[in-house]
Amino acid sequence: MKHSKRFTEGAAKIEREKLYDSEEAITLVKQNANAKFDETIEAHIRTGCDGRHAEQQIRGAVVLPHGTGKTIRILVFAKGEKVDEAEQAGADYVGGEELIPKIQNDGWFEFDAVIATPDMMGVVGRLGRVPGPKGLMPNPKAGTVTMDVAKAINDIKAGKIEYRLDKTNIVHVPVGKASFTEEQLADNFQTLMDAIVKAKPASLKGQYIKSLTLTSTMGPGVKLNTTKYV
């Protein structure tokens, strides 16, 4: 795979065999995030978990202290007085059964997060597998199946992100934007890692975090020393 000149120049600043501490890594990633748009800074955490076993699944949510730098569009499935609550709290879209064909048949996905009240999960369940691969299915562990709709909306608007294992047992999460200060990125990253460490499955034997990489949307990855998170 041929990389751009900008990518190659950025990669030359990184020692391939070195495992960096988070401060150094953030500095390098910011330096290499020089595309014409505000790149997202992401963490990629390879774990020793086996997601095929329910007790080793990792899924949860955490509010980043400085947010994600992205405007999140929120869809809420609700009825009755919860519709008004959702609208007043700033939900971008609120509805019920009428949204199912729009999503299933028309491929409407102009939203980044989905919240549902428990009494609407039967309706949401009719979407089947459609939202799952996009990470959009509401889940109690992530706080997106709740009667406290206003709090859920406010948390997401404030910078709440979900984390979960993918099929290769890696967690991919944003920690901010390239325009953030190094201190803001460091705060967000530490908050994320505290949550990931806390989420370690009790049944896991062996190394929990096998590798940890920070990267920007268009830049090369920087590998971090994982010993402090083991």
C-alpha atoms as a PDB file:
ATOM      1  CA  MET A   1       0.000   0.000   0.000  1.00  0.00           C
ATOM      2  CA  LYS A   2       1.453   3.341  -1.067  1.00  0.00           C
ATOM      3  CA  HIS A   3       1.208   6.144   1.485  1.00  0.00           C
ATOM      4  CA  SER A   4       1.104   9.872   0.861  1.00  0.00           C
ATOM      5  CA  LYS A   5       4.192  12.016   1.237  1.00  0.00           C
ATOM      6  CA  ARG A   6       2.652  13.616   4.340  1.00  0.00           C
ATOM      7  CA  PHE A   7       2.026  10.199   5.935  1.00  0.00           C
ATOM      8  CA  THR A   8       5.568   9.018   5.112  1.00  0.00           C
ATOM      9  CA  GLU A   9       7.117  12.169   6.574  1.00  0.00           C
ATOM     10  CA  GLY A  10       5.048  11.753   9.729  1.00  0.00           C
ATOM     11  CA  ALA A  11       5.989   8.091  10.074  1.00  0.00           C
ATOM     12  CA  ALA A  12       9.685   9.035   9.853  1.00  0.00           C
ATOM     13  CA  LYS A  13       9.328  10.956  13.147  1.00  0.00           C
ATOM     14  CA  ILE A  14       8.208   7.811  14.968  1.00  0.00           C
ATOM     15  CA  GLU A  15      10.594   5.111  16.183  1.00  0.00           C
ATOM     16  CA  ARG A  16       8.848   1.911  15.091  1.00  0.00           C
ATOM     17  CA  GLU A  17      10.187  -0.269  17.886  1.00  0.00           C
ATOM     18  CA  LYS A  18       9.704   2.273  20.671  1.00  0.00           C
ATOM     19  CA  LEU A  19       6.782   2.174  23.076  1.00  0.00           C
ATOM     20  CA  TYR A  20       5.988   5.773  23.992  1.00  0.00           C
ATOM     21  CA  ASP A  21       4.431   7.196  27.113  1.00  0.00           C
ATOM     22  CA  SER A  22       1.067   8.878  26.549  1.00  0.00           C
ATOM     23  CA  GLU A  23       2.426  12.454  26.658  1.00  0.00           C
ATOM     24  CA  GLU A  24       5.022  11.787  23.955  1.00  0.00           C
ATOM     25  CA  ALA A  25       2.510   9.891  21.859  1.00  0.00           C
ATOM     26  CA  ILE A  26      -0.048  12.697  22.005  1.00  0.00           C
ATOM     27  CA  THR A  27       2.604  15.236  20.961  1.00  0.00           C
ATOM     28  CA  LEU A  28       3.628  13.127  17.959  1.00  0.00           C
ATOM     29  CA  VAL A  29       0.061  12.376  16.877  1.00  0.00           C
ATOM     30  CA  LYS A  30      -0.853  16.077  17.043  1.00  0.00           C
ATOM     31  CA  GLN A  31       2.235  17.011  15.021  1.00  0.00           C
ATOM     32  CA  ASN A  32       1.310  14.508  12.324  1.00  0.00           C
ATOM     33  CA  ALA A  33      -2.351  15.535  12.151  1.00  0.00           C
ATOM     34  CA  ASN A  34      -1.857  18.129   9.424  1.00  0.00           C
ATOM     35  CA  ALA A  35      -4.640  17.360   6.968  1.00  0.00           C
ATOM     36  CA  LYS A  36      -6.875  20.171   5.703  1.00  0.00           C
ATOM     37  CA  PHE A  37      -9.608  19.234   8.200  1.00  0.00           C
ATOM     38  CA  ASP A  38      -9.670  18.807  11.975  1.00  0.00           C
ATOM     39  CA  GLU A  39      -8.620  15.187  12.316  1.00  0.00           C
ATOM     40  CA  THR A  40     -10.013  12.923  15.014  1.00  0.00           C
ATOM     41  CA  ILE A  41      -7.518  11.456  17.472  1.00  0.00           C
ATOM     42  CA  GLU A  42      -8.326   7.813  18.139  1.00  0.00           C
ATOM     43  CA  ALA A  43      -7.184   5.098  20.543  1.00  0.00           C
ATOM     44  CA  HIS A  44      -7.015   1.485  19.404  1.00  0.00           C
ATOM     45  CA  ILE A  45      -6.755  -0.952  22.307  1.00  0.00           C
ATOM     46  CA  ARG A  46      -6.020  -4.604  21.553  1.00  0.00           C
ATOM     47  CA  THR A  47      -7.097  -6.774  24.462  1.00  0.00           C
ATOM     48  CA  GLY A  48      -6.484 -10.326  25.601  1.00  0.00           C
ATOM     49  CA  CYS A  49     -10.220 -10.874  25.926  1.00  0.00           C
ATOM     50  CA  ASP A  50     -12.181 -13.421  23.948  1.00  0.00           C
ATOM     51  CA  GLY A  51     -15.402 -11.680  23.011  1.00  0.00           C
ATOM     52  CA  ARG A  52     -17.012 -15.003  22.056  1.00  0.00           C
ATOM     53  CA  HIS A  53     -17.496 -15.555  25.777  1.00  0.00           C
ATOM     54  CA  ALA A  54     -20.153 -13.323  27.338  1.00  0.00           C
ATOM     55  CA  GLU A  55     -18.182 -12.908  30.568  1.00  0.00           C
ATOM     56  CA  GLN A  56     -15.246 -11.466  28.615  1.00  0.00           C
ATOM     57  CA  GLN A  57     -17.240  -8.916  26.670  1.00  0.00           C
ATOM     58  CA  ILE A  58     -16.283  -5.309  27.349  1.00  0.00           C
ATOM     59  CA  ARG A  59     -18.975  -2.723  26.801  1.00  0.00           C
ATOM     60  CA  GLY A  60     -19.680   0.531  28.554  1.00  0.00           C
ATOM     61  CA  ALA A  61     -19.558   4.289  28.286  1.00  0.00           C
ATOM     62  CA  VAL A  62     -17.559   7.159  29.716  1.00  0.00           C
ATOM     63  CA  VAL A  63     -17.914  10.949  29.579  1.00  0.00           C
ATOM     64  CA  LEU A  64     -14.722  12.559  28.283  1.00  0.00           C
ATOM     65  CA  PRO A  65     -14.001  15.726  30.297  1.00  0.00           C
ATOM     66  CA  HIS A  66     -13.376  17.828  27.182  1.00  0.00           C
ATOM     67  CA  GLY A  67     -15.864  16.107  24.898  1.00  0.00           C
ATOM     68  CA  THR A  68     -15.102  14.629  21.492  1.00  0.00           C
ATOM     69  CA  GLY A  69     -15.086  17.825  19.463  1.00  0.00           C
ATOM     70  CA  LYS A  70     -17.861  16.384  17.327  1.00  0.00           C
ATOM     71  CA  THR A  71     -21.472  17.504  17.182  1.00  0.00           C
ATOM     72  CA  ILE A  72     -23.508  14.388  17.941  1.00  0.00           C
ATOM     73  CA  ARG A  73     -26.937  13.954  16.362  1.00  0.00           C
ATOM     74  CA  ILE A  74     -29.217  12.045  18.719  1.00  0.00           C
ATOM     75  CA  LEU A  75     -32.257   9.944  17.875  1.00  0.00           C
ATOM     76  CA  VAL A  76     -34.621   9.058  20.740  1.00  0.00           C
ATOM     77  CA  PHE A  77     -37.265   6.353  20.642  1.00  0.00           C
ATOM     78  CA  ALA A  78     -39.910   7.416  23.154  1.00  0.00           C
ATOM     79  CA  LYS A  79     -43.623   7.955  23.652  1.00  0.00           C
ATOM     80  CA  GLY A  80     -45.929  10.024  25.829  1.00  0.00           C
ATOM     81  CA  GLU A  81     -44.366  12.630  28.084  1.00  0.00           C
ATOM     82  CA  LYS A  82     -40.888  11.282  27.294  1.00  0.00           C
ATOM     83  CA  VAL A  83     -41.220  12.721  23.777  1.00  0.00           C
ATOM     84  CA  ASP A  84     -41.480  16.230  25.233  1.00  0.00           C
ATOM     85  CA  GLU A  85     -38.616  15.521  27.643  1.00  0.00           C
ATOM     86  CA  ALA A  86     -36.387  14.403  24.775  1.00  0.00           C
ATOM     87  CA  GLU A  87     -37.220  17.411  22.619  1.00  0.00           C
ATOM     88  CA  GLN A  88     -36.635  19.851  25.476  1.00  0.00           C
ATOM     89  CA  ALA A  89     -33.277  18.211  26.270  1.00  0.00           C
ATOM     90  CA  GLY A  90     -32.079  18.787  22.711  1.00  0.00           C
ATOM     91  CA  ALA A  91     -32.657  15.503  20.878  1.00  0.00           C
ATOM     92  CA  ASP A  92     -32.317  15.938  17.127  1.00  0.00           C
ATOM     93  CA  TYR A  93     -34.979  13.369  16.267  1.00  0.00           C
ATOM     94  CA  VAL A  94     -37.706  11.825  18.422  1.00  0.00           C
ATOM     95  CA  GLY A  95     -40.218   9.198  17.371  1.00  0.00           C
ATOM     96  CA  GLY A  96     -41.504   5.654  17.507  1.00  0.00           C
ATOM     97  CA  GLU A  97     -42.788   3.002  15.137  1.00  0.00           C
ATOM     98  CA  GLU A  98     -43.013   5.415  12.205  1.00  0.00           C
ATOM     99  CA  LEU A  99     -39.203   5.595  12.100  1.00  0.00           C
ATOM    100  CA  ILE A 100     -38.701   1.843  11.580  1.00  0.00           C
ATOM    101  CA  PRO A 101     -39.436   1.715   7.802  1.00  0.00           C
ATOM    102  CA  LYS A 102     -37.501   4.938   7.303  1.00  0.00           C
ATOM    103  CA  ILE A 103     -34.393   3.280   8.766  1.00  0.00           C
ATOM    104  CA  GLN A 104     -34.965  -0.245   7.427  1.00  0.00           C
ATOM    105  CA  ASN A 105     -36.197   0.548   3.938  1.00  0.00           C
ATOM    106  CA  ASP A 106     -34.843   4.006   3.168  1.00  0.00           C
ATOM    107  CA  GLY A 107     -31.443   3.580   4.831  1.00  0.00           C
ATOM    108  CA  TRP A 108     -31.922   6.704   6.941  1.00  0.00           C
ATOM    109  CA  PHE A 109     -28.981   7.080   9.321  1.00  0.00           C
ATOM    110  CA  GLU A 110     -28.645  10.819   9.847  1.00  0.00           C
ATOM    111  CA  PHE A 111     -27.859  10.311  13.533  1.00  0.00           C
ATOM    112  CA  ASP A 112     -24.815   9.312  15.582  1.00  0.00           C
ATOM    113  CA  ALA A 113     -26.394   7.981  18.785  1.00  0.00           C
ATOM    114  CA  VAL A 114     -29.658   6.266  19.691  1.00  0.00           C
ATOM    115  CA  ILE A 115     -31.454   6.407  23.039  1.00  0.00           C
ATOM    116  CA  ALA A 116     -34.591   4.448  23.871  1.00  0.00           C
ATOM    117  CA  THR A 117     -36.886   4.203  26.861  1.00  0.00           C
ATOM    118  CA  PRO A 118     -37.276   0.584  28.062  1.00  0.00           C
ATOM    119  CA  ASP A 119     -40.906   0.453  26.896  1.00  0.00           C
ATOM    120  CA  MET A 120     -39.744   1.212  23.331  1.00  0.00           C
ATOM    121  CA  MET A 121     -37.180  -1.592  23.051  1.00  0.00           C
ATOM    122  CA  GLY A 122     -39.799  -3.858  21.487  1.00  0.00           C
ATOM    123  CA  VAL A 123     -40.113  -1.322  18.687  1.00  0.00           C
ATOM    124  CA  VAL A 124     -36.351  -0.838  18.397  1.00  0.00           C
ATOM    125  CA  GLY A 125     -35.912  -4.618  18.313  1.00  0.00           C
ATOM    126  CA  ARG A 126     -37.837  -4.699  15.038  1.00  0.00           C
ATOM    127  CA  LEU A 127     -34.850  -3.039  13.404  1.00  0.00           C
ATOM    128  CA  GLY A 128     -33.147  -6.402  13.757  1.00  0.00           C
ATOM    129  CA  ARG A 129     -29.478  -6.410  12.859  1.00  0.00           C
ATOM    130  CA  VAL A 130     -29.499  -3.079  11.015  1.00  0.00           C
ATOM    131  CA  PRO A 131     -28.135  -0.749  13.769  1.00  0.00           C
ATOM    132  CA  GLY A 132     -25.838  -3.301  15.422  1.00  0.00           C
ATOM    133  CA  PRO A 133     -22.834  -3.199  13.071  1.00  0.00           C
ATOM    134  CA  LYS A 134     -22.941   0.594  13.196  1.00  0.00           C
ATOM    135  CA  GLY A 135     -22.776   0.511  16.995  1.00  0.00           C
ATOM    136  CA  LEU A 136     -26.139   2.266  17.235  1.00  0.00           C
ATOM    137  CA  MET A 137     -28.268  -0.264  19.118  1.00  0.00           C
ATOM    138  CA  PRO A 138     -29.326   1.167  22.511  1.00  0.00           C
ATOM    139  CA  ASN A 139     -27.888  -0.771  25.437  1.00  0.00           C
ATOM    140  CA  PRO A 140     -28.491  -0.528  29.206  1.00  0.00           C
ATOM    141  CA  LYS A 141     -24.749  -0.931  29.939  1.00  0.00           C
ATOM    142  CA  ALA A 142     -24.043   2.171  27.875  1.00  0.00           C
ATOM    143  CA  GLY A 143     -26.846   4.122  29.531  1.00  0.00           C
ATOM    144  CA  THR A 144     -28.795   4.450  26.301  1.00  0.00           C
ATOM    145  CA  VAL A 145     -31.780   2.385  27.436  1.00  0.00           C
ATOM    146  CA  THR A 146     -33.213   4.535  30.200  1.00  0.00           C
ATOM    147  CA  MET A 147     -36.249   6.417  31.464  1.00  0.00           C
ATOM    148  CA  ASP A 148     -34.000   9.368  32.305  1.00  0.00           C
ATOM    149  CA  VAL A 149     -33.927  10.557  28.718  1.00  0.00           C
ATOM    150  CA  ALA A 150     -32.759  14.092  29.524  1.00  0.00           C
ATOM    151  CA  LYS A 151     -29.678  12.860  31.411  1.00  0.00           C
ATOM    152  CA  ALA A 152     -28.775  10.444  28.629  1.00  0.00           C
ATOM    153  CA  ILE A 153     -29.010  13.234  26.052  1.00  0.00           C
ATOM    154  CA  ASN A 154     -27.013  15.659  28.190  1.00  0.00           C
ATOM    155  CA  ASP A 155     -24.279  13.069  28.812  1.00  0.00           C
ATOM    156  CA  ILE A 156     -23.871  12.358  25.109  1.00  0.00           C
ATOM    157  CA  LYS A 157     -23.845  16.061  24.218  1.00  0.00           C
ATOM    158  CA  ALA A 158     -21.202  16.580  26.939  1.00  0.00           C
ATOM    159  CA  GLY A 159     -18.857  14.042  25.399  1.00  0.00           C
ATOM    160  CA  LYS A 160     -20.047  10.597  26.417  1.00  0.00           C
ATOM    161  CA  ILE A 161     -18.617   7.849  24.236  1.00  0.00           C
ATOM    162  CA  GLU A 162     -19.326   4.141  24.105  1.00  0.00           C
ATOM    163  CA  TYR A 163     -16.605   1.529  24.025  1.00  0.00           C
ATOM    164  CA  ARG A 164     -16.954  -2.123  23.075  1.00  0.00           C
ATOM    165  CA  LEU A 165     -14.917  -4.994  21.686  1.00  0.00           C
ATOM    166  CA  ASP A 166     -15.030  -5.549  17.965  1.00  0.00           C
ATOM    167  CA  LYS A 167     -14.826  -9.026  16.421  1.00  0.00           C
ATOM    168  CA  THR A 168     -11.041  -9.005  16.733  1.00  0.00           C
ATOM    169  CA  ASN A 169     -11.179  -8.060  20.445  1.00  0.00           C
ATOM    170  CA  ILE A 170     -10.006  -4.506  19.817  1.00  0.00           C
ATOM    171  CA  VAL A 171     -11.627  -1.369  21.232  1.00  0.00           C
ATOM    172  CA  HIS A 172     -11.645   1.650  18.869  1.00  0.00           C
ATOM    173  CA  VAL A 173     -12.581   4.985  20.436  1.00  0.00           C
ATOM    174  CA  PRO A 174     -12.125   8.722  19.745  1.00  0.00           C
ATOM    175  CA  VAL A 175     -10.331  10.797  22.373  1.00  0.00           C
ATOM    176  CA  GLY A 176     -10.735  14.222  20.791  1.00  0.00           C
ATOM    177  CA  LYS A 177      -9.696  16.353  17.849  1.00  0.00           C
ATOM    178  CA  ALA A 178      -6.308  17.477  16.575  1.00  0.00           C
ATOM    179  CA  SER A 179      -7.319  21.051  17.456  1.00  0.00           C
ATOM    180  CA  PHE A 180      -7.497  20.116  21.158  1.00  0.00           C
ATOM    181  CA  THR A 181      -4.587  21.077  23.378  1.00  0.00           C
ATOM    182  CA  GLU A 182      -2.222  18.331  24.490  1.00  0.00           C
ATOM    183  CA  GLU A 183      -3.567  18.763  28.025  1.00  0.00           C
ATOM    184  CA  GLN A 184      -7.167  18.249  26.865  1.00  0.00           C
ATOM    185  CA  LEU A 185      -6.223  15.133  24.911  1.00  0.00           C
ATOM    186  CA  ALA A 186      -4.238  13.817  27.885  1.00  0.00           C
ATOM    187  CA  ASP A 187      -7.220  14.334  30.213  1.00  0.00           C
ATOM    188  CA  ASN A 188      -9.576  12.581  27.810  1.00  0.00           C
ATOM    189  CA  PHE A 189      -7.164   9.719  27.211  1.00  0.00           C
ATOM    190  CA  GLN A 190      -6.575   9.145  30.924  1.00  0.00           C
ATOM    191  CA  THR A 191     -10.315   9.179  31.624  1.00  0.00           C
ATOM    192  CA  LEU A 192     -10.855   6.625  28.859  1.00  0.00           C
ATOM    193  CA  MET A 193      -8.074   4.335  30.063  1.00  0.00           C
ATOM    194  CA  ASP A 194      -9.313   4.502  33.660  1.00  0.00           C
ATOM    195  CA  ALA A 195     -12.688   3.245  32.411  1.00  0.00           C
ATOM    196  CA  ILE A 196     -11.127   0.508  30.248  1.00  0.00           C
ATOM    197  CA  VAL A 197      -8.939  -0.747  33.108  1.00  0.00           C
ATOM    198  CA  LYS A 198     -11.952  -0.765  35.433  1.00  0.00           C
ATOM    199  CA  ALA A 199     -13.892  -2.802  32.862  1.00  0.00           C
ATOM    200  CA  LYS A 200     -11.379  -5.684  32.926  1.00  0.00           C
ATOM    201  CA  PRO A 201     -13.357  -8.954  33.065  1.00  0.00           C
ATOM    202  CA  ALA A 202     -12.845 -10.860  36.319  1.00  0.00           C
ATOM    203  CA  SER A 203     -12.628 -14.140  34.388  1.00  0.00           C
ATOM    204  CA  LEU A 204      -9.756 -13.019  32.151  1.00  0.00           C
ATOM    205  CA  LYS A 205      -6.522 -14.948  32.535  1.00  0.00           C
ATOM    206  CA  GLY A 206      -3.292 -13.518  31.167  1.00  0.00           C
ATOM    207  CA  GLN A 207      -2.515 -10.071  29.782  1.00  0.00           C
ATOM    208  CA  TYR A 208      -5.469  -7.696  29.528  1.00  0.00           C
ATOM    209  CA  ILE A 209      -4.153  -4.907  27.303  1.00  0.00           C
ATOM    210  CA  LYS A 210      -1.845  -6.365  24.671  1.00  0.00           C
ATOM    211  CA  SER A 211      -1.188  -3.231  22.645  1.00  0.00           C
ATOM    212  CA  LEU A 212      -2.274   0.376  22.598  1.00  0.00           C
ATOM    213  CA  THR A 213      -2.000   2.758  19.660  1.00  0.00           C
ATOM    214  CA  LEU A 214      -2.881   6.423  19.228  1.00  0.00           C
ATOM    215  CA  THR A 215      -3.448   7.790  15.757  1.00  0.00           C
ATOM    216  CA  SER A 216      -5.109  10.613  13.888  1.00  0.00           C
ATOM    217  CA  THR A 217      -7.562  10.105  11.025  1.00  0.00           C
ATOM    218  CA  MET A 218      -4.912  10.464   8.319  1.00  0.00           C
ATOM    219  CA  GLY A 219      -1.704  10.000  10.290  1.00  0.00           C
ATOM    220  CA  PRO A 220       0.484   7.045  11.286  1.00  0.00           C
ATOM    221  CA  GLY A 221      -0.076   5.254  14.584  1.00  0.00           C
ATOM    222  CA  VAL A 222       2.090   5.666  17.672  1.00  0.00           C
ATOM    223  CA  LYS A 223       2.428   2.645  19.971  1.00  0.00           C
ATOM    224  CA  LEU A 224       2.248   3.202  23.717  1.00  0.00           C
ATOM    225  CA  ASN A 225       3.799   1.423  26.662  1.00  0.00           C
ATOM    226  CA  THR A 226       0.973  -0.589  28.234  1.00  0.00           C
ATOM    227  CA  THR A 227       2.667  -1.597  31.509  1.00  0.00           C
ATOM    228  CA  LYS A 228       0.883   1.046  33.592  1.00  0.00           C
ATOM    229  CA  TYR A 229      -2.489  -0.236  32.381  1.00  0.00           C
ATOM    230  CA  VAL A 230      -1.903  -3.966  32.936  1.00  0.00           C
END
